[in-house]
Every structure is written in structure tokens, then in C-alpha cells.
Amino acid sequence: MTRDEHGRLRLDCKLGTYYHSLSTSECLDAELSEAYAAWPDATPEFSWPRLERRAWLHERVSDPVADGRRRSAAIGVSTLTIVRVRNRSFDGYKLFLSPRSVTVAIQRRRYHVVPSGMFQPFIPGESPDLLQEQFSVAATAIREFVEELYGVHELETGDGRVDPNAVYRRREAQLLNGLLKAGDAALLYAGVAVNLFALRHEICTVLVIEDPRWYERESGELRICEEFLQQCEQAELLADQRWVRLISLTRPGLGRSPGRLLTLG
């Protein structure tokens, strides 16, 4: 991760695999969490010798926060979804938070923004042109939006292959694209964050849906982590229940810098 002469952030990457990322980056998270779970009041001098993988990495990479070498530091795309809600009980904005599925390999049940996913090709091993087309932050955010907010699984064409463009033919994606084109929604670039536990980079975006009619029409269809949003809102949650949350924003309005609209491919 570097900055050019104009101060713009640049990520130089190459293809890797999800499982290499688990075994070389996500393992740093587990190592650190386990050490401080056992000795929560330990000083860094006491804990550092127990962080063998992290110490090994720091010995070989001068700045592992910015430099992803010596491991597979997979890039993620995380999108904070903010929706305009106007009804009898509420008039303002709400944002989505959801626990990660218990079926994923890492960070199960930890609350996270939705949608979020890996910045990866939907179909690896295809032609170079098709592979290049799939590396789009905007396309990744839209695909994950349909999959995670509507409970849609990755789409197959019917002949055993997976079509990277099939998601755009779904009603949910066409509705969102229509809002974006009409200016009733905006997909904004928010920056690049680094998960210091796993030393992985996340491209952060914000999806703002300004049209309150979207939530009014779609709230009954939203199904996150196999749980329907309306059911979650109507039930009294116990402390250990992992349902999606709609968090009300206290500010009456949202301000956006005109230069932050996400247009990169």
C-alpha cells in the first residue's frame, strides 16, 4: 500500500487464495486474541514472545501494516448500508449491523457491516478480459448487497457454471442500480482500513439509499443471516441472540463531500 505524488492511495496486488489468507493472515488474529484472553493485563514485553507468527513477520517485513508480503493478505470490501426510513414511528436514517454467519471460517457471530465480502473474481480461471472485468469494487458491493441482504446464494447458470453477471439480472440488483442512476442512492468511497488483528486491508464504502420508498417496499424481503429483518425488529431479543440490528442515526441529515462518489472500476 503506497501513495502516489498526488497523495492518492494505491494497492499493488496479485492473485492468491482464500485458504492461504486464512493460514497466513487470519491466524495472526487468533494468535493475538488467544494470548490476551489468557493474560488480559499482560504488558507488550510479556505477550510479544508468545506471538510467534507475528514476531516472525515483523522480523522480515519492515512495515507489515502497509506491506502485505510474506503472507496472503486478502483484500476485503466492506460496505456500510444506510437507508432513509420514514414512517409513523421514525423519520430519519438507519444503518445495518449484522452478526457474521456461524458457517464462515473466521469471526463467527461478530457484528459487522453488511454487505461485506472478499475482493475476488467470481469465476477464476476464465479469459483475461473476463477476469479483469470482475475486479470492480462497485460490482463487488452490489453483488454482496443482493446476496447478503436478500439471502441469495451465488447464482449458477444451470449448466454447473457460475455466471458473474447473473446477479445483475435479478430484480433486487436492477432496483438498486435504478436508484443509483436516478441519484436516489449513492455508493461512496470511504477509504482503506487495515484490520490490525489480521493485518488485512479492507476497501471501505458507504451505500446511502435516500429514497424512503425502498425500505418501505423492500423491508419485508430483507433476509440477513437466514433471519428476516421484520421478524428481528418485532421480537424482544435475548442477550445471546444474533439477529440483525437496525441502528438509528441521531443526526437529522447526512452530509457528503461531492468528490467521494465511488466511480472506480
C-alpha atoms as a PDB file:
ATOM      1  CA  MET A   1       0.000   0.000   0.000  1.00  0.00           C
ATOM      2  CA  THR A   2       1.586   3.268  -1.159  1.00  0.00           C
ATOM      3  CA  ARG A   3       0.644   6.843  -2.008  1.00  0.00           C
ATOM      4  CA  ASP A   4       1.500   8.492  -5.295  1.00  0.00           C
ATOM      5  CA  GLU A   5       2.811  12.014  -5.798  1.00  0.00           C
ATOM      6  CA  HIS A   6      -0.764  13.367  -5.575  1.00  0.00           C
ATOM      7  CA  GLY A   7      -1.439  11.665  -2.246  1.00  0.00           C
ATOM      8  CA  ARG A   8      -3.757   9.055  -3.759  1.00  0.00           C
ATOM      9  CA  LEU A   9      -3.731   5.614  -2.216  1.00  0.00           C
ATOM     10  CA  ARG A  10      -2.515   2.711  -4.336  1.00  0.00           C
ATOM     11  CA  LEU A  11      -2.771  -1.023  -3.672  1.00  0.00           C
ATOM     12  CA  ASP A  12      -0.491  -3.316  -5.667  1.00  0.00           C
ATOM     13  CA  CYS A  13      -1.868  -6.851  -5.543  1.00  0.00           C
ATOM     14  CA  LYS A  14      -1.646 -10.265  -7.137  1.00  0.00           C
ATOM     15  CA  LEU A  15      -3.934 -13.286  -7.129  1.00  0.00           C
ATOM     16  CA  GLY A  16      -3.913 -15.511  -4.066  1.00  0.00           C
ATOM     17  CA  THR A  17      -6.313 -17.931  -2.404  1.00  0.00           C
ATOM     18  CA  TYR A  18      -8.753 -17.605   0.461  1.00  0.00           C
ATOM     19  CA  TYR A  19      -7.263 -20.531   2.342  1.00  0.00           C
ATOM     20  CA  HIS A  20      -3.741 -19.129   2.093  1.00  0.00           C
ATOM     21  CA  SER A  21      -5.130 -15.951   3.640  1.00  0.00           C
ATOM     22  CA  LEU A  22      -6.676 -17.965   6.477  1.00  0.00           C
ATOM     23  CA  SER A  23      -3.417 -19.738   7.251  1.00  0.00           C
ATOM     24  CA  THR A  24      -1.087 -16.725   6.947  1.00  0.00           C
ATOM     25  CA  SER A  25      -3.132 -13.625   7.893  1.00  0.00           C
ATOM     26  CA  GLU A  26      -6.246 -14.633   9.825  1.00  0.00           C
ATOM     27  CA  CYS A  27      -4.100 -16.837  12.057  1.00  0.00           C
ATOM     28  CA  LEU A  28      -2.493 -13.626  13.360  1.00  0.00           C
ATOM     29  CA  ASP A  29      -5.901 -12.585  14.715  1.00  0.00           C
ATOM     30  CA  ALA A  30      -6.388 -15.859  16.569  1.00  0.00           C
ATOM     31  CA  GLU A  31      -2.865 -15.804  17.959  1.00  0.00           C
ATOM     32  CA  LEU A  32      -3.251 -12.289  19.348  1.00  0.00           C
ATOM     33  CA  SER A  33      -6.775 -12.862  20.713  1.00  0.00           C
ATOM     34  CA  GLU A  34      -5.798 -16.069  22.461  1.00  0.00           C
ATOM     35  CA  ALA A  35      -2.739 -14.511  24.077  1.00  0.00           C
ATOM     36  CA  TYR A  36      -4.666 -11.595  25.554  1.00  0.00           C
ATOM     37  CA  ALA A  37      -7.626 -13.766  26.504  1.00  0.00           C
ATOM     38  CA  ALA A  38      -5.252 -15.791  28.659  1.00  0.00           C
ATOM     39  CA  TRP A  39      -3.326 -12.784  30.009  1.00  0.00           C
ATOM     40  CA  PRO A  40      -5.564  -9.706  29.567  1.00  0.00           C
ATOM     41  CA  ASP A  41      -3.402  -7.464  31.756  1.00  0.00           C
ATOM     42  CA  ALA A  42      -0.085  -8.557  30.272  1.00  0.00           C
ATOM     43  CA  THR A  43       2.426  -5.980  29.129  1.00  0.00           C
ATOM     44  CA  PRO A  44       3.611  -5.998  25.500  1.00  0.00           C
ATOM     45  CA  GLU A  45       7.002  -7.236  26.671  1.00  0.00           C
ATOM     46  CA  PHE A  46       5.320 -10.277  28.211  1.00  0.00           C
ATOM     47  CA  SER A  47       2.953 -11.001  25.294  1.00  0.00           C
ATOM     48  CA  TRP A  48       5.264 -10.431  22.327  1.00  0.00           C
ATOM     49  CA  PRO A  49       7.327 -13.635  22.765  1.00  0.00           C
ATOM     50  CA  ARG A  50       4.043 -15.595  22.648  1.00  0.00           C
ATOM     51  CA  LEU A  51       3.080 -14.066  19.287  1.00  0.00           C
ATOM     52  CA  GLU A  52       5.417 -16.252  17.262  1.00  0.00           C
ATOM     53  CA  ARG A  53       3.800 -15.766  13.844  1.00  0.00           C
ATOM     54  CA  ARG A  54       3.517 -12.010  14.251  1.00  0.00           C
ATOM     55  CA  ALA A  55       7.097 -11.730  15.529  1.00  0.00           C
ATOM     56  CA  TRP A  56       8.304 -13.796  12.553  1.00  0.00           C
ATOM     57  CA  LEU A  57       6.506 -11.440  10.173  1.00  0.00           C
ATOM     58  CA  HIS A  58       7.862  -8.265  11.799  1.00  0.00           C
ATOM     59  CA  GLU A  59      11.390  -9.631  11.513  1.00  0.00           C
ATOM     60  CA  ARG A  60      11.022  -9.963   7.732  1.00  0.00           C
ATOM     61  CA  VAL A  61       8.759  -7.033   6.774  1.00  0.00           C
ATOM     62  CA  SER A  62       9.631  -3.556   7.985  1.00  0.00           C
ATOM     63  CA  ASP A  63       6.026  -2.269   7.937  1.00  0.00           C
ATOM     64  CA  PRO A  64       3.532  -5.166   7.788  1.00  0.00           C
ATOM     65  CA  VAL A  65       0.594  -2.754   8.185  1.00  0.00           C
ATOM     66  CA  ALA A  66       1.267  -1.304   4.739  1.00  0.00           C
ATOM     67  CA  ASP A  67       3.252  -4.158   3.210  1.00  0.00           C
ATOM     68  CA  GLY A  68       1.439  -7.455   2.531  1.00  0.00           C
ATOM     69  CA  ARG A  69       4.466  -9.514   1.573  1.00  0.00           C
ATOM     70  CA  ARG A  70       5.434 -12.784   3.291  1.00  0.00           C
ATOM     71  CA  ARG A  71       1.760 -13.737   3.629  1.00  0.00           C
ATOM     72  CA  SER A  72      -1.501 -13.748   1.699  1.00  0.00           C
ATOM     73  CA  ALA A  73      -3.174 -10.559   2.895  1.00  0.00           C
ATOM     74  CA  ALA A  74      -6.511 -10.858   1.120  1.00  0.00           C
ATOM     75  CA  ILE A  75      -8.345  -7.632   0.251  1.00  0.00           C
ATOM     76  CA  GLY A  76     -11.900  -7.215   1.516  1.00  0.00           C
ATOM     77  CA  VAL A  77     -14.716  -4.858   0.522  1.00  0.00           C
ATOM     78  CA  SER A  78     -16.886  -3.694   3.418  1.00  0.00           C
ATOM     79  CA  THR A  79     -19.977  -1.579   2.793  1.00  0.00           C
ATOM     80  CA  LEU A  80     -21.939   0.313   5.417  1.00  0.00           C
ATOM     81  CA  THR A  81     -25.577   0.459   4.251  1.00  0.00           C
ATOM     82  CA  ILE A  82     -27.564   3.495   5.401  1.00  0.00           C
ATOM     83  CA  VAL A  83     -31.235   3.793   4.460  1.00  0.00           C
ATOM     84  CA  ARG A  84     -33.776   6.571   4.693  1.00  0.00           C
ATOM     85  CA  VAL A  85     -36.755   5.495   6.773  1.00  0.00           C
ATOM     86  CA  ARG A  86     -39.978   7.466   7.057  1.00  0.00           C
ATOM     87  CA  ASN A  87     -42.950   6.003   8.895  1.00  0.00           C
ATOM     88  CA  ARG A  88     -45.240   6.785  11.820  1.00  0.00           C
ATOM     89  CA  SER A  89     -42.649   5.943  14.468  1.00  0.00           C
ATOM     90  CA  PHE A  90     -39.433   7.114  12.834  1.00  0.00           C
ATOM     91  CA  ASP A  91     -38.250   9.744  10.366  1.00  0.00           C
ATOM     92  CA  GLY A  92     -34.527   9.640   9.642  1.00  0.00           C
ATOM     93  CA  TYR A  93     -31.709   7.290   8.709  1.00  0.00           C
ATOM     94  CA  LYS A  94     -30.873   3.796   9.892  1.00  0.00           C
ATOM     95  CA  LEU A  95     -27.843   1.610   9.299  1.00  0.00           C
ATOM     96  CA  PHE A  96     -27.465  -2.152   9.174  1.00  0.00           C
ATOM     97  CA  LEU A  97     -25.300  -4.215  11.502  1.00  0.00           C
ATOM     98  CA  SER A  98     -25.388  -7.981  11.399  1.00  0.00           C
ATOM     99  CA  PRO A  99     -23.563 -10.853  13.085  1.00  0.00           C
ATOM    100  CA  ARG A 100     -21.353 -12.875  10.804  1.00  0.00           C
ATOM    101  CA  SER A 101     -22.698 -16.302   9.965  1.00  0.00           C
ATOM    102  CA  VAL A 102     -21.769 -19.271  12.139  1.00  0.00           C
ATOM    103  CA  THR A 103     -20.814 -21.131   8.939  1.00  0.00           C
ATOM    104  CA  VAL A 104     -17.893 -18.881   7.972  1.00  0.00           C
ATOM    105  CA  ALA A 105     -14.309 -19.785   8.822  1.00  0.00           C
ATOM    106  CA  ILE A 106     -13.431 -16.678  10.846  1.00  0.00           C
ATOM    107  CA  GLN A 107     -15.003 -14.172  13.261  1.00  0.00           C
ATOM    108  CA  ARG A 108     -18.242 -16.086  13.643  1.00  0.00           C
ATOM    109  CA  ARG A 109     -21.093 -14.153  15.270  1.00  0.00           C
ATOM    110  CA  ARG A 110     -19.085 -10.931  15.467  1.00  0.00           C
ATOM    111  CA  TYR A 111     -21.145  -7.947  14.377  1.00  0.00           C
ATOM    112  CA  HIS A 112     -20.112  -6.419  11.080  1.00  0.00           C
ATOM    113  CA  VAL A 113     -21.407  -4.023   8.456  1.00  0.00           C
ATOM    114  CA  VAL A 114     -23.431  -5.557   5.654  1.00  0.00           C
ATOM    115  CA  PRO A 115     -22.720  -6.293   2.942  1.00  0.00           C
ATOM    116  CA  SER A 116     -19.077  -7.310   3.060  1.00  0.00           C
ATOM    117  CA  GLY A 117     -17.004  -9.798   1.116  1.00  0.00           C
ATOM    118  CA  MET A 118     -13.671 -10.580  -0.472  1.00  0.00           C
ATOM    119  CA  PHE A 119     -12.388  -8.582  -3.440  1.00  0.00           C
ATOM    120  CA  GLN A 120     -12.050 -11.532  -5.748  1.00  0.00           C
ATOM    121  CA  PRO A 121     -13.143 -12.802  -9.147  1.00  0.00           C
ATOM    122  CA  PHE A 122     -16.489 -14.531  -9.173  1.00  0.00           C
ATOM    123  CA  ILE A 123     -15.158 -17.024 -11.723  1.00  0.00           C
ATOM    124  CA  PRO A 124     -11.383 -17.660 -11.581  1.00  0.00           C
ATOM    125  CA  GLY A 125      -9.525 -19.199 -14.470  1.00  0.00           C
ATOM    126  CA  GLU A 126     -11.555 -17.544 -17.230  1.00  0.00           C
ATOM    127  CA  SER A 127     -10.249 -15.330 -20.038  1.00  0.00           C
ATOM    128  CA  PRO A 128      -8.037 -12.362 -19.022  1.00  0.00           C
ATOM    129  CA  ASP A 129     -10.677  -9.864 -20.166  1.00  0.00           C
ATOM    130  CA  LEU A 130     -13.457 -11.509 -18.152  1.00  0.00           C
ATOM    131  CA  LEU A 131     -11.153 -11.814 -15.160  1.00  0.00           C
ATOM    132  CA  GLN A 132     -10.291  -8.106 -15.334  1.00  0.00           C
ATOM    133  CA  GLU A 133     -13.965  -7.116 -15.571  1.00  0.00           C
ATOM    134  CA  GLN A 134     -14.710  -8.920 -12.308  1.00  0.00           C
ATOM    135  CA  PHE A 135     -12.268  -6.795 -10.292  1.00  0.00           C
ATOM    136  CA  SER A 136     -14.678  -3.942  -9.649  1.00  0.00           C
ATOM    137  CA  VAL A 137     -15.289  -2.512  -6.181  1.00  0.00           C
ATOM    138  CA  ALA A 138     -18.719  -1.260  -7.214  1.00  0.00           C
ATOM    139  CA  ALA A 139     -19.695  -4.628  -8.718  1.00  0.00           C
ATOM    140  CA  THR A 140     -18.465  -6.446  -5.608  1.00  0.00           C
ATOM    141  CA  ALA A 141     -20.549  -4.198  -3.352  1.00  0.00           C
ATOM    142  CA  ILE A 142     -23.700  -4.665  -5.463  1.00  0.00           C
ATOM    143  CA  ARG A 143     -23.249  -8.434  -5.694  1.00  0.00           C
ATOM    144  CA  GLU A 144     -22.717  -8.757  -1.948  1.00  0.00           C
ATOM    145  CA  PHE A 145     -25.695  -6.442  -1.343  1.00  0.00           C
ATOM    146  CA  VAL A 146     -28.030  -8.805  -3.194  1.00  0.00           C
ATOM    147  CA  GLU A 147     -26.518 -11.934  -1.650  1.00  0.00           C
ATOM    148  CA  GLU A 148     -26.386 -10.753   1.960  1.00  0.00           C
ATOM    149  CA  LEU A 149     -29.453  -8.531   2.267  1.00  0.00           C
ATOM    150  CA  TYR A 150     -31.798 -10.865   0.425  1.00  0.00           C
ATOM    151  CA  GLY A 151     -30.336 -14.235   1.414  1.00  0.00           C
ATOM    152  CA  VAL A 152     -29.407 -15.063  -2.182  1.00  0.00           C
ATOM    153  CA  HIS A 153     -26.757 -17.712  -2.797  1.00  0.00           C
ATOM    154  CA  GLU A 154     -24.180 -17.418  -5.569  1.00  0.00           C
ATOM    155  CA  LEU A 155     -26.037 -17.829  -8.826  1.00  0.00           C
ATOM    156  CA  GLU A 156     -25.482 -20.720 -11.209  1.00  0.00           C
ATOM    157  CA  THR A 157     -26.395 -20.662 -14.885  1.00  0.00           C
ATOM    158  CA  GLY A 158     -27.917 -24.161 -14.771  1.00  0.00           C
ATOM    159  CA  ASP A 159     -25.079 -25.970 -16.536  1.00  0.00           C
ATOM    160  CA  GLY A 160     -22.837 -26.162 -13.471  1.00  0.00           C
ATOM    161  CA  ARG A 161     -21.045 -22.886 -14.172  1.00  0.00           C
ATOM    162  CA  VAL A 162     -21.374 -19.649 -12.249  1.00  0.00           C
ATOM    163  CA  ASP A 163     -22.270 -16.517 -14.194  1.00  0.00           C
ATOM    164  CA  PRO A 164     -20.592 -13.346 -12.832  1.00  0.00           C
ATOM    165  CA  ASN A 165     -23.260 -11.170 -14.460  1.00  0.00           C
ATOM    166  CA  ALA A 166     -26.289 -13.204 -13.380  1.00  0.00           C
ATOM    167  CA  VAL A 167     -26.754 -11.110 -10.249  1.00  0.00           C
ATOM    168  CA  TYR A 168     -27.432  -8.000 -12.356  1.00  0.00           C
ATOM    169  CA  ARG A 169     -30.447  -9.686 -13.925  1.00  0.00           C
ATOM    170  CA  ARG A 170     -32.104 -10.097 -10.546  1.00  0.00           C
ATOM    171  CA  ARG A 171     -34.871  -7.719  -9.549  1.00  0.00           C
ATOM    172  CA  GLU A 172     -33.019  -6.599  -6.393  1.00  0.00           C
ATOM    173  CA  ALA A 173     -29.892  -5.537  -8.300  1.00  0.00           C
ATOM    174  CA  GLN A 174     -31.876  -3.803 -11.026  1.00  0.00           C
ATOM    175  CA  LEU A 175     -33.829  -1.873  -8.401  1.00  0.00           C
ATOM    176  CA  LEU A 176     -30.611  -0.747  -6.681  1.00  0.00           C
ATOM    177  CA  ASN A 177     -28.953   0.184  -9.983  1.00  0.00           C
ATOM    178  CA  GLY A 178     -32.025   2.194 -10.893  1.00  0.00           C
ATOM    179  CA  LEU A 179     -31.767   4.150  -7.641  1.00  0.00           C
ATOM    180  CA  LEU A 180     -28.059   4.785  -8.217  1.00  0.00           C
ATOM    181  CA  LYS A 181     -28.614   6.035 -11.762  1.00  0.00           C
ATOM    182  CA  ALA A 182     -31.508   8.269 -10.671  1.00  0.00           C
ATOM    183  CA  GLY A 183     -29.484   9.810  -7.833  1.00  0.00           C
ATOM    184  CA  ASP A 184     -31.793   8.351  -5.190  1.00  0.00           C
ATOM    185  CA  ALA A 185     -28.892   6.277  -3.835  1.00  0.00           C
ATOM    186  CA  ALA A 186     -25.122   6.735  -3.799  1.00  0.00           C
ATOM    187  CA  LEU A 187     -22.190   4.379  -3.436  1.00  0.00           C
ATOM    188  CA  LEU A 188     -19.356   6.299  -1.786  1.00  0.00           C
ATOM    189  CA  TYR A 189     -15.694   5.515  -1.287  1.00  0.00           C
ATOM    190  CA  ALA A 190     -14.755   5.900   2.388  1.00  0.00           C
ATOM    191  CA  GLY A 191     -11.089   4.868   2.363  1.00  0.00           C
ATOM    192  CA  VAL A 192      -8.901   1.848   3.011  1.00  0.00           C
ATOM    193  CA  ALA A 193      -8.712   0.452   6.524  1.00  0.00           C
ATOM    194  CA  VAL A 194      -6.304  -2.126   7.911  1.00  0.00           C
ATOM    195  CA  ASN A 195      -7.503  -4.811  10.290  1.00  0.00           C
ATOM    196  CA  LEU A 196      -4.642  -4.723  12.783  1.00  0.00           C
ATOM    197  CA  PHE A 197      -5.566  -8.121  14.227  1.00  0.00           C
ATOM    198  CA  ALA A 198      -5.151  -9.953  10.917  1.00  0.00           C
ATOM    199  CA  LEU A 199      -3.129  -7.272   9.079  1.00  0.00           C
ATOM    200  CA  ARG A 200      -5.540  -7.338   6.126  1.00  0.00           C
ATOM    201  CA  HIS A 201      -6.744  -4.379   4.103  1.00  0.00           C
ATOM    202  CA  GLU A 202     -10.411  -3.503   3.653  1.00  0.00           C
ATOM    203  CA  ILE A 203     -11.716  -1.195   0.934  1.00  0.00           C
ATOM    204  CA  CYS A 204     -14.471   0.692   2.760  1.00  0.00           C
ATOM    205  CA  THR A 205     -17.560   2.026   1.018  1.00  0.00           C
ATOM    206  CA  VAL A 206     -20.862   3.512   2.121  1.00  0.00           C
ATOM    207  CA  LEU A 207     -24.162   2.834   0.373  1.00  0.00           C
ATOM    208  CA  VAL A 208     -26.747   5.521   1.109  1.00  0.00           C
ATOM    209  CA  ILE A 209     -30.307   4.860  -0.081  1.00  0.00           C
ATOM    210  CA  GLU A 210     -32.080   8.204   0.125  1.00  0.00           C
ATOM    211  CA  ASP A 211     -35.465   7.146  -1.238  1.00  0.00           C
ATOM    212  CA  PRO A 212     -37.618   6.057   1.764  1.00  0.00           C
ATOM    213  CA  ARG A 213     -39.842   4.072  -0.591  1.00  0.00           C
ATOM    214  CA  TRP A 214     -37.069   1.486  -0.998  1.00  0.00           C
ATOM    215  CA  TYR A 215     -37.182   0.487   2.657  1.00  0.00           C
ATOM    216  CA  GLU A 216     -40.952   0.691   2.767  1.00  0.00           C
ATOM    217  CA  ARG A 217     -41.240  -1.752  -0.144  1.00  0.00           C
ATOM    218  CA  GLU A 218     -38.237  -3.985   0.492  1.00  0.00           C
ATOM    219  CA  SER A 219     -38.108  -4.369   4.291  1.00  0.00           C
ATOM    220  CA  GLY A 220     -40.380  -7.414   4.130  1.00  0.00           C
ATOM    221  CA  GLU A 221     -37.988  -9.101   1.670  1.00  0.00           C
ATOM    222  CA  LEU A 222     -34.738  -8.477   3.531  1.00  0.00           C
ATOM    223  CA  ARG A 223     -33.292 -11.670   4.929  1.00  0.00           C
ATOM    224  CA  ILE A 224     -29.878 -11.439   6.549  1.00  0.00           C
ATOM    225  CA  CYS A 225     -28.039 -14.417   8.092  1.00  0.00           C
ATOM    226  CA  GLU A 226     -31.145 -16.533   7.381  1.00  0.00           C
ATOM    227  CA  GLU A 227     -33.259 -14.205   9.522  1.00  0.00           C
ATOM    228  CA  PHE A 228     -35.977 -11.880   8.246  1.00  0.00           C
ATOM    229  CA  LEU A 229     -35.432  -8.271   9.218  1.00  0.00           C
ATOM    230  CA  GLN A 230     -39.055  -7.546  10.124  1.00  0.00           C
ATOM    231  CA  GLN A 231     -39.133 -10.549  12.463  1.00  0.00           C
ATOM    232  CA  CYS A 232     -35.955  -9.302  14.156  1.00  0.00           C
ATOM    233  CA  GLU A 233     -37.434  -5.848  14.702  1.00  0.00           C
ATOM    234  CA  GLN A 234     -40.655  -7.141  16.237  1.00  0.00           C
ATOM    235  CA  ALA A 235     -39.112  -9.622  18.682  1.00  0.00           C
ATOM    236  CA  GLU A 236     -37.606  -8.916  22.087  1.00  0.00           C
ATOM    237  CA  LEU A 237     -34.008 -10.077  21.688  1.00  0.00           C
ATOM    238  CA  LEU A 238     -32.155 -12.018  24.335  1.00  0.00           C
ATOM    239  CA  ALA A 239     -28.507 -11.279  25.050  1.00  0.00           C
ATOM    240  CA  ASP A 240     -27.215 -14.250  23.060  1.00  0.00           C
ATOM    241  CA  GLN A 241     -29.454 -13.872  20.013  1.00  0.00           C
ATOM    242  CA  ARG A 242     -27.543 -12.923  16.886  1.00  0.00           C
ATOM    243  CA  TRP A 243     -30.149 -11.102  14.828  1.00  0.00           C
ATOM    244  CA  VAL A 244     -29.512  -8.202  12.538  1.00  0.00           C
ATOM    245  CA  ARG A 245     -29.826  -4.740  14.054  1.00  0.00           C
ATOM    246  CA  LEU A 246     -31.087  -1.525  12.558  1.00  0.00           C
ATOM    247  CA  ILE A 247     -29.264   1.316  14.305  1.00  0.00           C
ATOM    248  CA  SER A 248     -30.917   4.741  14.278  1.00  0.00           C
ATOM    249  CA  LEU A 249     -28.652   7.688  13.499  1.00  0.00           C
ATOM    250  CA  THR A 250     -29.055  10.624  15.838  1.00  0.00           C
ATOM    251  CA  ARG A 251     -28.147  13.301  13.282  1.00  0.00           C
ATOM    252  CA  PRO A 252     -31.128  14.516  11.263  1.00  0.00           C
ATOM    253  CA  GLY A 253     -29.282  14.580   7.953  1.00  0.00           C
ATOM    254  CA  LEU A 254     -26.272  13.256   6.104  1.00  0.00           C
ATOM    255  CA  GLY A 255     -23.529  15.352   4.553  1.00  0.00           C
ATOM    256  CA  ARG A 256     -21.437  14.111   1.655  1.00  0.00           C
ATOM    257  CA  SER A 257     -18.360  15.508   0.002  1.00  0.00           C
ATOM    258  CA  PRO A 258     -19.035  15.846  -3.738  1.00  0.00           C
ATOM    259  CA  GLY A 259     -15.704  14.238  -4.592  1.00  0.00           C
ATOM    260  CA  ARG A 260     -16.330  10.997  -2.712  1.00  0.00           C
ATOM    261  CA  LEU A 261     -18.675   9.274  -5.122  1.00  0.00           C
ATOM    262  CA  LEU A 262     -17.326   5.843  -5.964  1.00  0.00           C
ATOM    263  CA  THR A 263     -16.707   5.645  -9.690  1.00  0.00           C
ATOM    264  CA  LEU A 264     -13.660   3.388  -9.891  1.00  0.00           C
ATOM    265  CA  GLY A 265     -13.897   0.008 -11.557  1.00  0.00           C
END
